[in-house]
C-alpha atoms as a PDB file:
ATOM      1  CA  MET A   1      -0.004   0.001   0.017  1.00  0.00           C
ATOM      2  CA  THR A   2       1.222   3.514  -0.825  1.00  0.00           C
ATOM      3  CA  HIS A   3      -0.040   6.886   0.328  1.00  0.00           C
ATOM      4  CA  GLN A   4       0.019  10.216  -1.532  1.00  0.00           C
ATOM      5  CA  ARG A   5       0.449  13.576   0.144  1.00  0.00           C
ATOM      6  CA  ASP A   6      -3.227  14.379  -0.372  1.00  0.00           C
ATOM      7  CA  GLY A   7      -4.162  11.365   1.725  1.00  0.00           C
ATOM      8  CA  ALA A   8      -5.525   9.300  -1.099  1.00  0.00           C
ATOM      9  CA  ARG A   9      -4.701   5.598  -0.767  1.00  0.00           C
ATOM     10  CA  HIS A  10      -3.204   3.618  -3.575  1.00  0.00           C
ATOM     11  CA  PHE A  11      -1.807   0.128  -3.848  1.00  0.00           C
ATOM     12  CA  VAL A  12       0.582  -1.671  -6.222  1.00  0.00           C
ATOM     13  CA  LYS A  13      -0.488  -4.988  -7.663  1.00  0.00           C
ATOM     14  CA  ILE A  14       2.037  -7.302  -9.294  1.00  0.00           C
ATOM     15  CA  SER A  15       0.504  -9.636 -11.876  1.00  0.00           C
ATOM     16  CA  PRO A  16       1.710 -13.245 -11.703  1.00  0.00           C
ATOM     17  CA  THR A  17       1.820 -13.598 -15.505  1.00  0.00           C
ATOM     18  CA  PRO A  18       1.964 -11.385 -18.624  1.00  0.00           C
ATOM     19  CA  LYS A  19      -1.468 -12.624 -19.648  1.00  0.00           C
ATOM     20  CA  PHE A  20      -3.026 -11.525 -16.312  1.00  0.00           C
ATOM     21  CA  PHE A  21      -1.240  -8.152 -16.578  1.00  0.00           C
ATOM     22  CA  ALA A  22      -2.570  -7.599 -20.095  1.00  0.00           C
ATOM     23  CA  ARG A  23      -6.094  -8.600 -19.137  1.00  0.00           C
ATOM     24  CA  GLU A  24      -6.274  -6.458 -16.042  1.00  0.00           C
ATOM     25  CA  THR A  25      -4.718  -3.467 -17.809  1.00  0.00           C
ATOM     26  CA  ARG A  26      -7.276  -3.641 -20.603  1.00  0.00           C
ATOM     27  CA  ALA A  27     -10.195  -4.057 -18.135  1.00  0.00           C
ATOM     28  CA  TYR A  28      -9.192  -0.989 -16.081  1.00  0.00           C
ATOM     29  CA  ARG A  29      -8.503   1.142 -19.138  1.00  0.00           C
ATOM     30  CA  GLN A  30     -11.479   0.224 -21.340  1.00  0.00           C
ATOM     31  CA  THR A  31     -14.299  -1.069 -19.186  1.00  0.00           C
ATOM     32  CA  ALA A  32     -13.832   0.216 -15.610  1.00  0.00           C
ATOM     33  CA  PRO A  33     -14.219   3.946 -16.386  1.00  0.00           C
ATOM     34  CA  ALA A  34     -17.823   3.438 -17.370  1.00  0.00           C
ATOM     35  CA  LEU A  35     -18.747   1.718 -14.116  1.00  0.00           C
ATOM     36  CA  GLY A  36     -18.923   4.819 -11.977  1.00  0.00           C
ATOM     37  CA  PRO A  37     -16.684   6.318  -9.337  1.00  0.00           C
ATOM     38  CA  GLY A  38     -16.002   4.178  -6.312  1.00  0.00           C
ATOM     39  CA  SER A  39     -17.359   0.980  -7.846  1.00  0.00           C
ATOM     40  CA  VAL A  40     -13.983  -0.271  -9.019  1.00  0.00           C
ATOM     41  CA  PRO A  41     -10.384   0.799  -8.461  1.00  0.00           C
ATOM     42  CA  ARG A  42      -8.970   3.319 -10.863  1.00  0.00           C
ATOM     43  CA  LEU A  43      -5.802   2.554 -12.809  1.00  0.00           C
ATOM     44  CA  VAL A  44      -3.215   5.275 -12.261  1.00  0.00           C
ATOM     45  CA  GLU A  45      -0.314   3.830 -14.211  1.00  0.00           C
ATOM     46  CA  THR A  46       1.378   0.570 -15.153  1.00  0.00           C
ATOM     47  CA  ASN A  47       4.923  -0.805 -15.432  1.00  0.00           C
ATOM     48  CA  PRO A  48       4.974  -3.609 -18.092  1.00  0.00           C
ATOM     49  CA  GLN A  49       8.551  -4.537 -17.170  1.00  0.00           C
ATOM     50  CA  TRP A  50       7.494  -5.401 -13.643  1.00  0.00           C
ATOM     51  CA  GLN A  51       3.945  -6.374 -14.635  1.00  0.00           C
ATOM     52  CA  ALA A  52       2.850  -3.859 -11.994  1.00  0.00           C
ATOM     53  CA  LEU A  53      -0.349  -1.773 -11.752  1.00  0.00           C
ATOM     54  CA  LEU A  54      -0.797   1.235  -9.515  1.00  0.00           C
ATOM     55  CA  LEU A  55      -4.449   1.352  -8.472  1.00  0.00           C
ATOM     56  CA  THR A  56      -6.578   3.564  -6.280  1.00  0.00           C
ATOM     57  CA  ALA A  57      -8.093   1.936  -3.209  1.00  0.00           C
ATOM     58  CA  VAL A  58     -11.878   1.732  -2.969  1.00  0.00           C
ATOM     59  CA  PRO A  59     -13.814   1.943   0.303  1.00  0.00           C
ATOM     60  CA  GLY A  60     -15.408  -1.029   1.921  1.00  0.00           C
ATOM     61  CA  ARG A  61     -14.704  -4.361   3.524  1.00  0.00           C
ATOM     62  CA  GLY A  62     -14.862  -7.857   2.031  1.00  0.00           C
ATOM     63  CA  VAL A  63     -18.447  -9.024   1.821  1.00  0.00           C
ATOM     64  CA  THR A  64     -17.589 -12.427   3.228  1.00  0.00           C
ATOM     65  CA  SER A  65     -16.248 -10.805   6.430  1.00  0.00           C
ATOM     66  CA  LEU A  66     -19.295  -8.649   7.130  1.00  0.00           C
ATOM     67  CA  PRO A  67     -22.211  -9.646   9.404  1.00  0.00           C
ATOM     68  CA  LEU A  68     -24.956  -8.702   6.909  1.00  0.00           C
ATOM     69  CA  THR A  69     -28.621  -9.235   7.545  1.00  0.00           C
ATOM     70  CA  PRO A  70     -30.576 -11.231   4.882  1.00  0.00           C
ATOM     71  CA  ALA A  71     -32.070  -7.954   3.619  1.00  0.00           C
ATOM     72  CA  ARG A  72     -28.633  -6.361   3.308  1.00  0.00           C
ATOM     73  CA  GLN A  73     -27.307  -9.497   1.575  1.00  0.00           C
ATOM     74  CA  ARG A  74     -30.066  -9.157  -1.009  1.00  0.00           C
ATOM     75  CA  ALA A  75     -29.194  -5.539  -1.503  1.00  0.00           C
ATOM     76  CA  VAL A  76     -25.550  -6.443  -2.073  1.00  0.00           C
ATOM     77  CA  HIS A  77     -26.463  -9.096  -4.663  1.00  0.00           C
ATOM     78  CA  ARG A  78     -28.849  -6.699  -6.366  1.00  0.00           C
ATOM     79  CA  GLN A  79     -25.991  -4.158  -6.700  1.00  0.00           C
ATOM     80  CA  ALA A  80     -23.686  -6.974  -7.881  1.00  0.00           C
ATOM     81  CA  GLY A  81     -26.134  -7.828 -10.661  1.00  0.00           C
ATOM     82  CA  ALA A  82     -26.319  -4.148 -11.765  1.00  0.00           C
ATOM     83  CA  TRP A  83     -22.509  -3.880 -11.648  1.00  0.00           C
ATOM     84  CA  LEU A  84     -22.048  -7.077 -13.734  1.00  0.00           C
ATOM     85  CA  SER A  85     -24.542  -5.992 -16.322  1.00  0.00           C
ATOM     86  CA  ARG A  86     -22.645  -2.788 -16.934  1.00  0.00           C
ATOM     87  CA  PHE A  87     -19.341  -4.650 -16.980  1.00  0.00           C
ATOM     88  CA  HIS A  88     -20.574  -7.262 -19.452  1.00  0.00           C
ATOM     89  CA  GLY A  89     -21.839  -4.747 -21.940  1.00  0.00           C
ATOM     90  CA  GLY A  90     -23.299  -6.305 -25.090  1.00  0.00           C
ATOM     91  CA  PRO A  91     -22.181  -8.197 -28.206  1.00  0.00           C
ATOM     92  CA  ARG A  92     -21.793  -4.961 -30.114  1.00  0.00           C
ATOM     93  CA  ASP A  93     -19.193  -3.866 -27.614  1.00  0.00           C
ATOM     94  CA  LEU A  94     -16.938  -6.732 -28.718  1.00  0.00           C
ATOM     95  CA  SER A  95     -14.705  -6.682 -31.745  1.00  0.00           C
ATOM     96  CA  PRO A  96     -14.602  -9.585 -34.197  1.00  0.00           C
ATOM     97  CA  GLN A  97     -11.404 -10.675 -32.509  1.00  0.00           C
ATOM     98  CA  ASP A  98     -13.160 -10.557 -29.102  1.00  0.00           C
ATOM     99  CA  HIS A  99     -15.992 -12.797 -30.413  1.00  0.00           C
ATOM    100  CA  ALA A 100     -13.389 -15.295 -31.695  1.00  0.00           C
ATOM    101  CA  GLU A 101     -11.671 -15.159 -28.296  1.00  0.00           C
ATOM    102  CA  ALA A 102     -15.001 -15.744 -26.498  1.00  0.00           C
ATOM    103  CA  ALA A 103     -15.700 -18.825 -28.627  1.00  0.00           C
ATOM    104  CA  ALA A 104     -12.196 -20.063 -27.922  1.00  0.00           C
ATOM    105  CA  GLU A 105     -12.708 -19.655 -24.161  1.00  0.00           C
ATOM    106  CA  VAL A 106     -15.808 -21.891 -24.287  1.00  0.00           C
ATOM    107  CA  ALA A 107     -13.929 -24.510 -26.259  1.00  0.00           C
ATOM    108  CA  ARG A 108     -10.994 -24.253 -23.836  1.00  0.00           C
ATOM    109  CA  ALA A 109     -13.314 -24.908 -20.913  1.00  0.00           C
ATOM    110  CA  VAL A 110     -14.703 -28.001 -22.652  1.00  0.00           C
ATOM    111  CA  HIS A 111     -11.305 -29.441 -23.457  1.00  0.00           C
ATOM    112  CA  GLY A 112      -9.984 -28.617 -19.996  1.00  0.00           C
ATOM    113  CA  ALA A 113     -12.513 -30.983 -18.401  1.00  0.00           C
ATOM    114  CA  GLU A 114     -10.682 -34.069 -19.511  1.00  0.00           C
ATOM    115  CA  ARG A 115      -7.368 -32.604 -18.337  1.00  0.00           C
ATOM    116  CA  HIS A 116      -8.830 -31.905 -14.929  1.00  0.00           C
ATOM    117  CA  LEU A 117     -10.293 -35.393 -14.734  1.00  0.00           C
ATOM    118  CA  GLU A 118      -6.912 -36.891 -15.474  1.00  0.00           C
ATOM    119  CA  SER A 119      -5.330 -34.645 -12.819  1.00  0.00           C
ATOM    120  CA  ALA A 120      -8.013 -35.594 -10.255  1.00  0.00           C
ATOM    121  CA  GLU A 121      -7.331 -39.317 -10.807  1.00  0.00           C
ATOM    122  CA  ASP A 122      -9.248 -41.251  -8.129  1.00  0.00           C
ATOM    123  CA  LEU A 123     -10.545 -38.132  -6.380  1.00  0.00           C
ATOM    124  CA  ILE A 124     -13.669 -38.347  -8.531  1.00  0.00           C
ATOM    125  CA  GLY A 125     -15.606 -41.589  -8.907  1.00  0.00           C
ATOM    126  CA  GLY A 126     -17.033 -43.121 -11.997  1.00  0.00           C
ATOM    127  CA  ARG A 127     -20.464 -41.486 -11.722  1.00  0.00           C
ATOM    128  CA  GLY A 128     -18.876 -38.050 -11.180  1.00  0.00           C
ATOM    129  CA  ARG A 129     -16.637 -38.526 -14.206  1.00  0.00           C
ATOM    130  CA  GLU A 130     -19.603 -39.449 -16.354  1.00  0.00           C
ATOM    131  CA  THR A 131     -21.459 -36.376 -15.108  1.00  0.00           C
ATOM    132  CA  VAL A 132     -18.554 -34.081 -16.021  1.00  0.00           C
ATOM    133  CA  ARG A 133     -18.101 -35.604 -19.523  1.00  0.00           C
ATOM    134  CA  ARG A 134     -21.826 -35.491 -20.248  1.00  0.00           C
ATOM    135  CA  HIS A 135     -22.059 -31.808 -19.365  1.00  0.00           C
ATOM    136  CA  ALA A 136     -18.908 -30.996 -21.323  1.00  0.00           C
ATOM    137  CA  ALA A 137     -20.361 -32.579 -24.404  1.00  0.00           C
ATOM    138  CA  GLU A 138     -23.663 -30.733 -23.916  1.00  0.00           C
ATOM    139  CA  LEU A 139     -21.868 -27.394 -23.656  1.00  0.00           C
ATOM    140  CA  THR A 140     -20.375 -27.825 -27.126  1.00  0.00           C
ATOM    141  CA  ARG A 141     -23.886 -28.269 -28.513  1.00  0.00           C
ATOM    142  CA  LEU A 142     -25.208 -25.152 -26.723  1.00  0.00           C
ATOM    143  CA  ASP A 143     -22.562 -22.721 -28.019  1.00  0.00           C
ATOM    144  CA  PRO A 144     -22.713 -19.984 -29.337  1.00  0.00           C
ATOM    145  CA  LEU A 145     -24.017 -18.373 -26.146  1.00  0.00           C
ATOM    146  CA  PRO A 146     -24.583 -14.661 -25.425  1.00  0.00           C
ATOM    147  CA  ARG A 147     -21.122 -13.075 -25.123  1.00  0.00           C
ATOM    148  CA  GLY A 148     -19.668 -10.129 -23.372  1.00  0.00           C
ATOM    149  CA  TYR A 149     -16.693  -8.951 -21.397  1.00  0.00           C
ATOM    150  CA  VAL A 150     -16.600 -11.076 -18.232  1.00  0.00           C
ATOM    151  CA  HIS A 151     -14.989 -10.445 -14.882  1.00  0.00           C
ATOM    152  CA  GLY A 152     -13.709 -13.996 -14.808  1.00  0.00           C
ATOM    153  CA  ASP A 153     -13.740 -14.522 -11.039  1.00  0.00           C
ATOM    154  CA  PHE A 154     -16.991 -12.959  -9.992  1.00  0.00           C
ATOM    155  CA  GLN A 155     -17.685 -14.065  -6.470  1.00  0.00           C
ATOM    156  CA  GLU A 156     -18.215 -12.553  -3.021  1.00  0.00           C
ATOM    157  CA  ARG A 157     -14.588 -12.681  -2.058  1.00  0.00           C
ATOM    158  CA  ASN A 158     -13.924 -10.041  -4.742  1.00  0.00           C
ATOM    159  CA  TRP A 159     -16.703  -7.730  -3.535  1.00  0.00           C
ATOM    160  CA  LEU A 160     -16.126  -4.838  -1.131  1.00  0.00           C
ATOM    161  CA  PHE A 161     -19.118  -3.282   0.608  1.00  0.00           C
ATOM    162  CA  ASP A 162     -19.130   0.129   2.252  1.00  0.00           C
ATOM    163  CA  THR A 163     -21.826  -0.200   4.890  1.00  0.00           C
ATOM    164  CA  GLY A 164     -22.146   3.584   5.408  1.00  0.00           C
ATOM    165  CA  PRO A 165     -23.553   4.560   2.007  1.00  0.00           C
ATOM    166  CA  GLY A 166     -24.381   0.925   1.244  1.00  0.00           C
ATOM    167  CA  ARG A 167     -22.239   0.825  -1.873  1.00  0.00           C
ATOM    168  CA  LEU A 168     -20.587  -2.153  -3.600  1.00  0.00           C
ATOM    169  CA  ALA A 169     -17.178  -2.170  -5.298  1.00  0.00           C
ATOM    170  CA  VAL A 170     -15.598  -5.029  -7.225  1.00  0.00           C
ATOM    171  CA  VAL A 171     -11.860  -5.752  -7.446  1.00  0.00           C
ATOM    172  CA  ASP A 172      -9.423  -8.213  -9.059  1.00  0.00           C
ATOM    173  CA  LEU A 173      -9.910  -7.927 -12.813  1.00  0.00           C
ATOM    174  CA  GLU A 174      -6.928 -10.017 -13.879  1.00  0.00           C
ATOM    175  CA  ARG A 175      -9.170 -12.708 -15.375  1.00  0.00           C
ATOM    176  CA  ALA A 176     -11.387 -10.279 -17.318  1.00  0.00           C
ATOM    177  CA  ARG A 177     -11.768 -11.285 -20.982  1.00  0.00           C
ATOM    178  CA  PRO A 178     -14.367 -11.945 -23.742  1.00  0.00           C
ATOM    179  CA  HIS A 179     -16.419 -14.997 -22.872  1.00  0.00           C
ATOM    180  CA  ALA A 180     -19.963 -16.315 -22.628  1.00  0.00           C
ATOM    181  CA  VAL A 181     -21.541 -13.984 -20.038  1.00  0.00           C
ATOM    182  CA  VAL A 182     -23.060 -16.910 -18.105  1.00  0.00           C
ATOM    183  CA  PHE A 183     -19.491 -17.886 -17.132  1.00  0.00           C
ATOM    184  CA  ASP A 184     -19.626 -15.095 -14.459  1.00  0.00           C
ATOM    185  CA  ILE A 185     -22.699 -16.659 -12.848  1.00  0.00           C
ATOM    186  CA  VAL A 186     -21.131 -20.028 -12.055  1.00  0.00           C
ATOM    187  CA  ARG A 187     -19.349 -19.194  -8.786  1.00  0.00           C
ATOM    188  CA  LEU A 188     -22.495 -17.570  -7.415  1.00  0.00           C
ATOM    189  CA  ALA A 189     -24.823 -20.391  -8.418  1.00  0.00           C
ATOM    190  CA  CYS A 190     -22.428 -22.906  -6.833  1.00  0.00           C
ATOM    191  CA  GLY A 191     -21.787 -20.837  -3.716  1.00  0.00           C
ATOM    192  CA  PRO A 192     -23.921 -18.240  -1.951  1.00  0.00           C
ATOM    193  CA  TRP A 193     -27.075 -18.953  -3.973  1.00  0.00           C
ATOM    194  CA  VAL A 194     -27.288 -22.596  -2.839  1.00  0.00           C
ATOM    195  CA  GLY A 195     -30.373 -22.667  -0.588  1.00  0.00           C
ATOM    196  CA  ARG A 196     -30.810 -18.917  -1.065  1.00  0.00           C
ATOM    197  CA  PRO A 197     -33.097 -18.341  -4.083  1.00  0.00           C
ATOM    198  CA  ASP A 198     -33.752 -14.845  -2.669  1.00  0.00           C
ATOM    199  CA  LEU A 199     -30.147 -13.868  -3.435  1.00  0.00           C
ATOM    200  CA  ARG A 200     -30.391 -15.186  -6.981  1.00  0.00           C
ATOM    201  CA  ALA A 201     -33.674 -13.290  -7.508  1.00  0.00           C
ATOM    202  CA  ALA A 202     -32.164 -10.071  -6.175  1.00  0.00           C
ATOM    203  CA  PHE A 203     -29.086 -10.463  -8.407  1.00  0.00           C
ATOM    204  CA  PHE A 204     -31.096 -10.877 -11.584  1.00  0.00           C
ATOM    205  CA  GLU A 205     -33.318  -7.982 -10.613  1.00  0.00           C
ATOM    206  CA  GLY A 206     -30.176  -5.876 -10.646  1.00  0.00           C
ATOM    207  CA  TYR A 207     -28.846  -7.536 -13.736  1.00  0.00           C
ATOM    208  CA  GLY A 208     -31.936  -6.571 -15.644  1.00  0.00           C
ATOM    209  CA  ARG A 209     -32.813  -9.952 -17.170  1.00  0.00           C
ATOM    210  CA  GLU A 210     -33.066 -13.631 -16.339  1.00  0.00           C
ATOM    211  CA  LEU A 211     -30.949 -16.227 -18.093  1.00  0.00           C
ATOM    212  CA  ALA A 212     -32.295 -17.573 -21.370  1.00  0.00           C
ATOM    213  CA  ASP A 213     -33.137 -21.336 -21.375  1.00  0.00           C
ATOM    214  CA  LYS A 214     -29.912 -22.126 -23.261  1.00  0.00           C
ATOM    215  CA  GLU A 215     -27.918 -20.141 -20.720  1.00  0.00           C
ATOM    216  CA  GLU A 216     -29.578 -22.002 -17.837  1.00  0.00           C
ATOM    217  CA  ARG A 217     -28.555 -25.315 -19.389  1.00  0.00           C
ATOM    218  CA  SER A 218     -25.033 -24.049 -19.999  1.00  0.00           C
ATOM    219  CA  LEU A 219     -24.832 -22.882 -16.433  1.00  0.00           C
ATOM    220  CA  ARG A 220     -25.223 -26.498 -15.272  1.00  0.00           C
ATOM    221  CA  CYS A 221     -22.563 -27.532 -17.775  1.00  0.00           C
ATOM    222  CA  LEU A 222     -20.137 -24.880 -16.624  1.00  0.00           C
ATOM    223  CA  ALA A 223     -20.896 -25.761 -12.993  1.00  0.00           C
ATOM    224  CA  ALA A 224     -19.759 -29.352 -13.689  1.00  0.00           C
ATOM    225  CA  LEU A 225     -16.524 -28.107 -15.318  1.00  0.00           C
ATOM    226  CA  ASP A 226     -15.928 -25.748 -12.395  1.00  0.00           C
ATOM    227  CA  ALA A 227     -16.478 -28.638  -9.950  1.00  0.00           C
ATOM    228  CA  VAL A 228     -13.860 -30.897 -11.516  1.00  0.00           C
ATOM    229  CA  SER A 229     -11.425 -27.964 -11.719  1.00  0.00           C
ATOM    230  CA  ALA A 230     -12.022 -27.141  -8.050  1.00  0.00           C
ATOM    231  CA  ILE A 231     -11.351 -30.655  -6.926  1.00  0.00           C
ATOM    232  CA  SER A 232      -8.315 -31.289  -9.100  1.00  0.00           C
ATOM    233  CA  TRP A 233      -6.758 -27.990  -8.024  1.00  0.00           C
ATOM    234  CA  GLY A 234      -7.946 -27.758  -4.443  1.00  0.00           C
ATOM    235  CA  VAL A 235      -6.790 -31.101  -3.160  1.00  0.00           C
ATOM    236  CA  PRO A 236      -3.073 -30.779  -3.995  1.00  0.00           C
ATOM    237  CA  HIS A 237      -3.150 -27.094  -2.955  1.00  0.00           C
ATOM    238  CA  HIS A 238      -4.806 -27.995   0.406  1.00  0.00           C
ATOM    239  CA  ASP A 239      -7.818 -25.717  -0.111  1.00  0.00           C
ATOM    240  CA  PRO A 240     -10.690 -27.554   1.603  1.00  0.00           C
ATOM    241  CA  GLU A 241     -13.195 -24.772   0.874  1.00  0.00           C
ATOM    242  CA  ILE A 242     -12.820 -25.003  -2.862  1.00  0.00           C
ATOM    243  CA  VAL A 243     -12.789 -28.788  -2.748  1.00  0.00           C
ATOM    244  CA  ALA A 244     -16.014 -28.816  -0.763  1.00  0.00           C
ATOM    245  CA  ARG A 245     -17.658 -26.504  -3.266  1.00  0.00           C
ATOM    246  CA  GLY A 246     -16.660 -28.778  -6.132  1.00  0.00           C
ATOM    247  CA  ARG A 247     -17.846 -31.938  -4.425  1.00  0.00           C
ATOM    248  CA  ALA A 248     -21.142 -30.332  -3.433  1.00  0.00           C
ATOM    249  CA  THR A 249     -21.747 -29.131  -6.983  1.00  0.00           C
ATOM    250  CA  LEU A 250     -21.035 -32.546  -8.474  1.00  0.00           C
ATOM    251  CA  ALA A 251     -23.400 -34.179  -5.930  1.00  0.00           C
ATOM    252  CA  ARG A 252     -26.250 -31.839  -6.892  1.00  0.00           C
ATOM    253  CA  LEU A 253     -25.652 -32.461 -10.593  1.00  0.00           C
ATOM    254  CA  GLU A 254     -25.528 -36.210 -10.075  1.00  0.00           C
ATOM    255  CA  ARG A 255     -28.944 -35.989  -8.341  1.00  0.00           C
ATOM    256  CA  GLY A 256     -30.183 -33.938 -11.285  1.00  0.00           C
ATOM    257  CA  ASP A 257     -30.614 -30.762  -9.277  1.00  0.00           C
ATOM    258  CA  ALA A 258     -30.121 -27.358 -10.923  1.00  0.00           C
ATOM    259  CA  ALA A 259     -26.684 -25.764 -10.572  1.00  0.00           C
END
């Protein structure tokens, strides 16, 4: 964290890879300015040699650390839906190259399923493997899906909430890229929305539309791919929370429940 003489707070973020640096730089330069002051950090400058970004700090505390009432939780998710709708934009905001990259991201997710299954080895049983493969195959039939500019890691741990004015800010844009917009819904559907349909309803009220039928089906497919990724990554990295999310998602899908 750095401090300027005028008291404004800034922080330096070092990207782990050139790809993350390029994605985050683009997101802050091209998309973030239209989101409104205080709803996302502002990019001050970058240093490509060090893959460093100097960003303004935004007010608020992590949503997952706040003791929010159910009504305040709904308000947060409603704001999150409105924020994401602005961030996604529309198909006309994407260049032809962006559309090609979005299609490639969906294909990459499908092909990655088998790689994650191989990495998971005996961590996932036969029924779970069949579930993942079936949903991966279905996703290829559903594409093309509505596309936009996604956050890439849209979940409560990347939300900051200022309880005074009741305002939400979103951080960590290093995974932002063109993709199917439903991709940004997966971590919510497999996390805080489980058993909380009121949060989902509030989110889509803010988002301005419900998912189309094809997007709902693709959400289940992407949830299966997210689950196998969570298990294959979380076990060797000793992250029980992400492993539990993956296993719970697979269990719901095996039962035939919605994502």
